[in-house]
C-alpha cells in the first residue's frame, strides 16, 4: 500500500467527517470517469457528444471533470446519446468503524417518554474580513 493510501486510511479512522467527505468526493469522481469512459468507448469526442445533446463542449468537460450535483435527467440524456441506458441503485452505506451510529436519544412528539435530544452546534456569522460578527 502506498504512503498516500496509508495516510488516507489512517485519517479516515481518526476523522469520520473526513471519511464521509472523501467517500462522497470519490463517488462524484467515479460518475465523471464513467461518462468519459462511455463516451470514449463509443468513439465520440466531447464536441460530438455536445452536438448530440445540443450543448457546448465545455459543458461536457465540466460534467466529466466535476460531476457533483449533476441532474439525473442530464445523466439519462448523456447515456441515451451514447447508446446506453442509465442504471441507478440504492445500496447500504458502508460505515467506517469509527463513525458513530445515529443516537437513539431523540425526542419523538406524541410517543410516550421523550429522551433528551443531542445538542446542535451553534451557527456563527462571519463578516467579509472573516471576523465573527
C-alpha atoms as a PDB file:
ATOM      1  CA  UNK A   1       0.000   0.000   0.000  1.00  0.00           C
ATOM      2  CA  UNK A   2       1.361   3.435  -0.918  1.00  0.00           C
ATOM      3  CA  UNK A   3       2.096   6.109   1.665  1.00  0.00           C
ATOM      4  CA  UNK A   4      -0.840   8.143   0.362  1.00  0.00           C
ATOM      5  CA  UNK A   5      -3.257   5.229   0.728  1.00  0.00           C
ATOM      6  CA  UNK A   6      -1.953   4.562   4.248  1.00  0.00           C
ATOM      7  CA  UNK A   7      -2.416   8.205   5.176  1.00  0.00           C
ATOM      8  CA  UNK A   8      -5.964   8.278   3.789  1.00  0.00           C
ATOM      9  CA  UNK A   9      -6.949   5.092   5.627  1.00  0.00           C
ATOM     10  CA  UNK A  10      -5.453   6.319   8.906  1.00  0.00           C
ATOM     11  CA  UNK A  11      -7.107   9.729   8.547  1.00  0.00           C
ATOM     12  CA  UNK A  12     -10.472   8.111   7.779  1.00  0.00           C
ATOM     13  CA  UNK A  13     -10.169   6.087  11.000  1.00  0.00           C
ATOM     14  CA  UNK A  14      -9.435   9.213  13.077  1.00  0.00           C
ATOM     15  CA  UNK A  15     -11.838  11.626  11.402  1.00  0.00           C
ATOM     16  CA  UNK A  16     -15.367  10.428  10.495  1.00  0.00           C
ATOM     17  CA  UNK A  17     -16.166  13.697   8.703  1.00  0.00           C
ATOM     18  CA  UNK A  18     -13.059  13.324   6.516  1.00  0.00           C
ATOM     19  CA  UNK A  19     -14.049   9.710   5.782  1.00  0.00           C
ATOM     20  CA  UNK A  20     -17.528  10.753   4.682  1.00  0.00           C
ATOM     21  CA  UNK A  21     -16.344  13.695   2.568  1.00  0.00           C
ATOM     22  CA  UNK A  22     -13.578  11.620   0.965  1.00  0.00           C
ATOM     23  CA  UNK A  23     -16.003   8.865   0.007  1.00  0.00           C
ATOM     24  CA  UNK A  24     -18.549  11.383  -1.345  1.00  0.00           C
ATOM     25  CA  UNK A  25     -15.891  13.065  -3.467  1.00  0.00           C
ATOM     26  CA  UNK A  26     -14.741   9.727  -4.809  1.00  0.00           C
ATOM     27  CA  UNK A  27     -18.291   8.816  -5.859  1.00  0.00           C
ATOM     28  CA  UNK A  28     -18.633  12.096  -7.766  1.00  0.00           C
ATOM     29  CA  UNK A  29     -15.270  11.490  -9.421  1.00  0.00           C
ATOM     30  CA  UNK A  30     -16.408   7.997 -10.472  1.00  0.00           C
ATOM     31  CA  UNK A  31     -19.524   9.377 -12.189  1.00  0.00           C
ATOM     32  CA  UNK A  32     -17.448  11.724 -14.325  1.00  0.00           C
ATOM     33  CA  UNK A  33     -14.990   8.959 -15.174  1.00  0.00           C
ATOM     34  CA  UNK A  34     -17.790   6.562 -16.151  1.00  0.00           C
ATOM     35  CA  UNK A  35     -19.236   9.173 -18.503  1.00  0.00           C
ATOM     36  CA  UNK A  36     -15.832   9.809 -20.054  1.00  0.00           C
ATOM     37  CA  UNK A  37     -15.130   6.089 -20.499  1.00  0.00           C
ATOM     38  CA  UNK A  38     -18.558   5.530 -22.063  1.00  0.00           C
ATOM     39  CA  UNK A  39     -18.009   8.437 -24.454  1.00  0.00           C
ATOM     40  CA  UNK A  40     -14.554   7.216 -25.440  1.00  0.00           C
ATOM     41  CA  UNK A  41     -15.738   3.624 -25.903  1.00  0.00           C
ATOM     42  CA  UNK A  42     -18.446   4.961 -28.219  1.00  0.00           C
ATOM     43  CA  UNK A  43     -15.640   6.590 -30.223  1.00  0.00           C
ATOM     44  CA  UNK A  44     -17.067  10.025 -29.629  1.00  0.00           C
ATOM     45  CA  UNK A  45     -15.313  13.305 -28.860  1.00  0.00           C
ATOM     46  CA  UNK A  46     -16.617  15.805 -26.324  1.00  0.00           C
ATOM     47  CA  UNK A  47     -17.634  18.033 -29.240  1.00  0.00           C
ATOM     48  CA  UNK A  48     -19.644  15.243 -30.890  1.00  0.00           C
ATOM     49  CA  UNK A  49     -21.436  14.409 -27.647  1.00  0.00           C
ATOM     50  CA  UNK A  50     -22.133  18.100 -27.064  1.00  0.00           C
ATOM     51  CA  UNK A  51     -23.736  18.392 -30.523  1.00  0.00           C
ATOM     52  CA  UNK A  52     -25.975  15.401 -29.818  1.00  0.00           C
ATOM     53  CA  UNK A  53     -27.033  16.958 -26.512  1.00  0.00           C
ATOM     54  CA  UNK A  54     -27.401  20.414 -28.074  1.00  0.00           C
ATOM     55  CA  UNK A  55     -24.914  21.934 -25.652  1.00  0.00           C
ATOM     56  CA  UNK A  56     -21.298  23.092 -25.653  1.00  0.00           C
ATOM     57  CA  UNK A  57     -18.074  21.115 -25.348  1.00  0.00           C
ATOM     58  CA  UNK A  58     -17.288  22.971 -22.120  1.00  0.00           C
ATOM     59  CA  UNK A  59     -20.473  21.569 -20.558  1.00  0.00           C
ATOM     60  CA  UNK A  60     -19.344  18.017 -21.363  1.00  0.00           C
ATOM     61  CA  UNK A  61     -15.899  18.719 -19.939  1.00  0.00           C
ATOM     62  CA  UNK A  62     -17.448  20.114 -16.764  1.00  0.00           C
ATOM     63  CA  UNK A  63     -19.636  17.022 -16.371  1.00  0.00           C
ATOM     64  CA  UNK A  64     -16.688  14.666 -16.893  1.00  0.00           C
ATOM     65  CA  UNK A  65     -14.352  16.549 -14.561  1.00  0.00           C
ATOM     66  CA  UNK A  66     -16.740  17.908 -11.927  1.00  0.00           C
ATOM     67  CA  UNK A  67     -19.796  15.663 -11.801  1.00  0.00           C
ATOM     68  CA  UNK A  68     -21.129  16.971  -8.485  1.00  0.00           C
ATOM     69  CA  UNK A  69     -24.782  17.998  -8.451  1.00  0.00           C
ATOM     70  CA  UNK A  70     -25.486  16.620 -11.914  1.00  0.00           C
ATOM     71  CA  UNK A  71     -29.184  16.100 -12.551  1.00  0.00           C
ATOM     72  CA  UNK A  72     -30.494  12.603 -13.072  1.00  0.00           C
ATOM     73  CA  UNK A  73     -32.246  13.798 -16.236  1.00  0.00           C
ATOM     74  CA  UNK A  74     -28.878  15.018 -17.582  1.00  0.00           C
ATOM     75  CA  UNK A  75     -27.282  11.642 -16.866  1.00  0.00           C
ATOM     76  CA  UNK A  76     -30.173   9.950 -18.696  1.00  0.00           C
ATOM     77  CA  UNK A  77     -29.708  12.216 -21.730  1.00  0.00           C
ATOM     78  CA  UNK A  78     -25.950  11.582 -21.789  1.00  0.00           C
ATOM     79  CA  UNK A  79     -26.442   7.816 -21.545  1.00  0.00           C
ATOM     80  CA  UNK A  80     -29.063   7.850 -24.288  1.00  0.00           C
ATOM     81  CA  UNK A  81     -26.808   9.931 -26.567  1.00  0.00           C
ATOM     82  CA  UNK A  82     -24.078   7.328 -26.086  1.00  0.00           C
ATOM     83  CA  UNK A  83     -26.431   4.467 -26.948  1.00  0.00           C
ATOM     84  CA  UNK A  84     -26.581   3.373 -23.317  1.00  0.00           C
ATOM     85  CA  UNK A  85     -29.143   3.327 -20.564  1.00  0.00           C
ATOM     86  CA  UNK A  86     -28.772   4.664 -17.055  1.00  0.00           C
ATOM     87  CA  UNK A  87     -28.928   2.201 -14.170  1.00  0.00           C
ATOM     88  CA  UNK A  88     -29.335   3.610 -10.667  1.00  0.00           C
ATOM     89  CA  UNK A  89     -29.214   1.603  -7.469  1.00  0.00           C
ATOM     90  CA  UNK A  90     -29.614   2.384  -3.805  1.00  0.00           C
ATOM     91  CA  UNK A  91     -27.200   0.445  -1.640  1.00  0.00           C
ATOM     92  CA  UNK A  92     -26.407   0.330   2.076  1.00  0.00           C
ATOM     93  CA  UNK A  93     -23.938   2.885   3.384  1.00  0.00           C
ATOM     94  CA  UNK A  94     -20.619   1.329   4.254  1.00  0.00           C
ATOM     95  CA  UNK A  95     -19.889   2.762   7.664  1.00  0.00           C
ATOM     96  CA  UNK A  96     -16.341   3.071   8.829  1.00  0.00           C
ATOM     97  CA  UNK A  97     -15.789   1.510  12.266  1.00  0.00           C
ATOM     98  CA  UNK A  98     -15.009   4.915  13.757  1.00  0.00           C
ATOM     99  CA  UNK A  99     -18.232   6.520  12.520  1.00  0.00           C
ATOM    100  CA  UNK A 100     -20.794   6.527  15.291  1.00  0.00           C
ATOM    101  CA  UNK A 101     -24.250   5.168  14.625  1.00  0.00           C
ATOM    102  CA  UNK A 102     -27.156   7.614  14.943  1.00  0.00           C
ATOM    103  CA  UNK A 103     -28.218   8.235  18.539  1.00  0.00           C
ATOM    104  CA  UNK A 104     -31.443   6.715  19.804  1.00  0.00           C
ATOM    105  CA  UNK A 105     -31.839   9.575  22.327  1.00  0.00           C
ATOM    106  CA  UNK A 106     -34.200  11.619  20.193  1.00  0.00           C
ATOM    107  CA  UNK A 107     -37.402  13.364  21.233  1.00  0.00           C
ATOM    108  CA  UNK A 108     -40.383  11.980  19.396  1.00  0.00           C
ATOM    109  CA  UNK A 109     -43.557  14.071  19.830  1.00  0.00           C
ATOM    110  CA  UNK A 110     -46.574  12.043  20.934  1.00  0.00           C
ATOM    111  CA  UNK A 111     -44.536   8.905  21.604  1.00  0.00           C
ATOM    112  CA  UNK A 112     -44.504   8.046  25.320  1.00  0.00           C
ATOM    113  CA  UNK A 113     -41.494   9.238  27.276  1.00  0.00           C
ATOM    114  CA  UNK A 114     -39.140  11.544  25.482  1.00  0.00           C
ATOM    115  CA  UNK A 115     -35.402  11.363  25.808  1.00  0.00           C
ATOM    116  CA  UNK A 116     -33.031  14.320  25.625  1.00  0.00           C
ATOM    117  CA  UNK A 117     -32.044  15.213  22.076  1.00  0.00           C
ATOM    118  CA  UNK A 118     -28.439  15.857  21.107  1.00  0.00           C
ATOM    119  CA  UNK A 119     -27.391  19.488  21.227  1.00  0.00           C
ATOM    120  CA  UNK A 120     -26.688  21.095  17.869  1.00  0.00           C
ATOM    121  CA  UNK A 121     -23.662  23.219  17.190  1.00  0.00           C
ATOM    122  CA  UNK A 122     -24.390  26.945  17.173  1.00  0.00           C
ATOM    123  CA  UNK A 123     -24.016  28.669  13.831  1.00  0.00           C
ATOM    124  CA  UNK A 124     -21.738  31.689  13.794  1.00  0.00           C
ATOM    125  CA  UNK A 125     -21.898  34.514  11.264  1.00  0.00           C
ATOM    126  CA  UNK A 126     -18.702  35.990   9.826  1.00  0.00           C
ATOM    127  CA  UNK A 127     -18.163  39.309   8.054  1.00  0.00           C
ATOM    128  CA  UNK A 128     -16.140  39.801   4.857  1.00  0.00           C
ATOM    129  CA  UNK A 129     -12.920  40.135   6.858  1.00  0.00           C
ATOM    130  CA  UNK A 130     -13.514  36.682   8.354  1.00  0.00           C
ATOM    131  CA  UNK A 131     -14.261  38.017  11.824  1.00  0.00           C
ATOM    132  CA  UNK A 132     -17.148  36.879  13.988  1.00  0.00           C
ATOM    133  CA  UNK A 133     -19.918  39.381  13.873  1.00  0.00           C
END
